[in-house]
Amino acid sequence: MDKATKKKGVSLAIGRGEKLPVSKGAGLTAKGRAKYNAATGSNLKAPQPEGGARKRSFCARMSGMPGPMKDENGKPTRKAASLKRWNCKEGGAVRGGGCEVRGKTKGKMV
C-alpha cells in the first residue's frame, strides 16, 4: 500500500482544546467531537455518566481493555481517567454472562 492510498486519522490535540488531559478526565471536548464528526461522518456523543445503556456498554467494553490503571509513576492512565469520567465502578458494569442485555437480541445469547 502506498502513501497516497493510506488512510490518515483525524489529528486531535490537547493544546487546541480538542482533547482533555488525563488530569482533567481524558476524552474529547465538544470541539474535538465536532471536528471528528465533520472529518469522518461519525456521530460521537458526549459521555453519559448519569446512566443508561451507553454508559453500561462503555463501562463493560472499556474496563475489559488490556493495560494498567496506573503508569510506572503511579499516575492514572487515560483508561483510568475515562472510566472515572464516566463514573464506572471498579471492574465495569457487566451484569451476568451477557444474556440479560436488552436490545436487538432481546436477551438471547449471541
Protein backbone atom coordinates (compact mmCIF):
# COMPACT_ATOMS: atom_id res chain seq x y z
CA MET A 1 0.00 0.00 0.00
CA ASP A 2 1.49 3.35 -0.97
CA LYS A 3 1.23 6.61 0.96
CA ALA A 4 -1.46 8.04 -1.32
CA THR A 5 -3.98 5.29 -0.52
CA LYS A 6 -3.21 5.00 3.19
CA LYS A 7 -5.97 6.38 5.43
CA LYS A 8 -4.96 9.03 7.88
CA GLY A 9 -6.73 9.56 11.21
CA VAL A 10 -8.11 12.84 12.50
CA SER A 11 -5.48 14.85 14.36
CA LEU A 12 -6.80 15.95 17.77
CA ALA A 13 -4.67 17.84 20.27
CA ILE A 14 -4.90 18.93 23.89
CA GLY A 15 -3.32 22.32 23.05
CA ARG A 16 -6.07 23.19 20.55
CA GLY A 17 -8.76 22.29 23.08
CA GLU A 18 -9.95 19.16 21.27
CA LYS A 19 -8.93 16.64 23.94
CA LEU A 20 -8.77 16.79 27.72
CA PRO A 21 -5.54 15.91 29.52
CA VAL A 22 -5.55 12.89 31.83
CA SER A 23 -5.57 15.21 34.85
CA LYS A 24 -8.96 16.59 33.74
CA GLY A 25 -10.57 13.25 32.90
CA ALA A 26 -9.25 12.48 29.40
CA GLY A 27 -11.65 12.15 26.45
CA LEU A 28 -12.75 14.59 23.76
CA THR A 29 -14.22 18.04 24.27
CA ALA A 30 -17.29 19.25 22.38
CA LYS A 31 -14.92 20.96 19.91
CA GLY A 32 -13.00 17.70 19.42
CA ARG A 33 -16.18 15.68 18.86
CA ALA A 34 -17.39 18.24 16.31
CA LYS A 35 -14.08 18.11 14.43
CA TYR A 36 -14.03 14.29 14.43
CA ASN A 37 -17.67 14.07 13.32
CA ALA A 38 -17.12 16.54 10.48
CA ALA A 39 -14.00 14.73 9.25
CA THR A 40 -15.36 11.18 9.42
CA GLY A 41 -19.14 11.47 9.16
CA SER A 42 -19.48 9.87 12.59
CA ASN A 43 -21.91 10.86 15.33
CA LEU A 44 -19.87 10.84 18.54
CA LYS A 45 -21.81 11.91 21.60
CA ALA A 46 -20.76 13.33 24.96
CA PRO A 47 -20.15 10.97 27.91
CA GLN A 48 -23.26 9.73 29.72
CA PRO A 49 -22.06 9.46 33.36
CA GLU A 50 -25.59 9.64 34.82
CA GLY A 51 -26.51 6.20 33.48
CA GLY A 52 -28.20 4.44 30.61
CA ALA A 53 -27.41 1.84 28.00
CA ARG A 54 -24.44 3.77 26.54
CA LYS A 55 -22.84 4.00 29.98
CA ARG A 56 -23.25 0.28 30.67
CA SER A 57 -21.87 -0.57 27.24
CA PHE A 58 -18.90 1.79 27.56
CA CYS A 59 -18.01 0.65 31.09
CA ALA A 60 -18.16 -3.03 30.18
CA ARG A 61 -16.15 -2.55 27.00
CA MET A 62 -13.53 -0.16 28.40
CA SER A 63 -12.94 -1.95 31.70
CA GLY A 64 -12.14 -5.11 29.73
CA MET A 65 -9.38 -3.39 27.75
CA PRO A 66 -5.85 -4.55 28.44
CA GLY A 67 -3.49 -2.17 30.15
CA PRO A 68 -2.77 -0.82 33.60
CA MET A 69 -4.88 1.68 35.51
CA LYS A 70 -1.72 3.50 36.66
CA ASP A 71 1.55 4.18 34.85
CA GLU A 72 5.01 3.43 36.20
CA ASN A 73 4.99 6.76 38.11
CA GLY A 74 1.71 5.93 39.87
CA LYS A 75 -0.38 8.40 37.85
CA PRO A 76 -3.71 7.27 36.37
CA THR A 77 -3.64 6.28 32.70
CA ARG A 78 -6.07 7.60 30.05
CA LYS A 79 -8.04 4.36 30.55
CA ALA A 80 -8.45 5.04 34.27
CA ALA A 81 -9.34 8.68 33.68
CA SER A 82 -12.04 7.86 31.13
CA LEU A 83 -13.59 5.20 33.37
CA LYS A 84 -13.64 7.73 36.21
CA ARG A 85 -15.20 10.40 33.96
CA TRP A 86 -18.00 8.00 33.02
CA ASN A 87 -18.47 7.08 36.74
CA CYS A 88 -17.75 3.41 36.03
CA LYS A 89 -17.46 1.20 39.08
CA GLU A 90 -14.29 -0.84 39.58
CA GLY A 91 -14.44 -3.70 37.09
CA GLY A 92 -17.09 -2.15 34.86
CA ALA A 93 -20.84 -2.50 34.77
CA VAL A 94 -21.12 -6.00 33.35
CA ARG A 95 -24.07 -7.99 34.66
CA GLY A 96 -24.12 -11.74 34.34
CA GLY A 97 -22.87 -13.53 31.27
CA GLY A 98 -24.37 -11.18 28.73
CA CYS A 99 -27.81 -12.77 28.31
CA GLU A 100 -29.54 -10.03 30.39
CA VAL A 101 -28.65 -7.38 27.81
CA ARG A 102 -31.74 -5.88 26.19
CA GLY A 103 -31.88 -4.59 22.66
CA LYS A 104 -31.74 -6.29 19.28
CA THR A 105 -31.08 -9.73 20.77
CA LYS A 106 -33.93 -9.45 23.33
CA GLY A 107 -31.99 -11.34 26.00
CA LYS A 108 -30.81 -14.19 23.74
CA MET A 109 -27.21 -15.35 23.77
CA VAL A 110 -25.48 -14.32 20.58
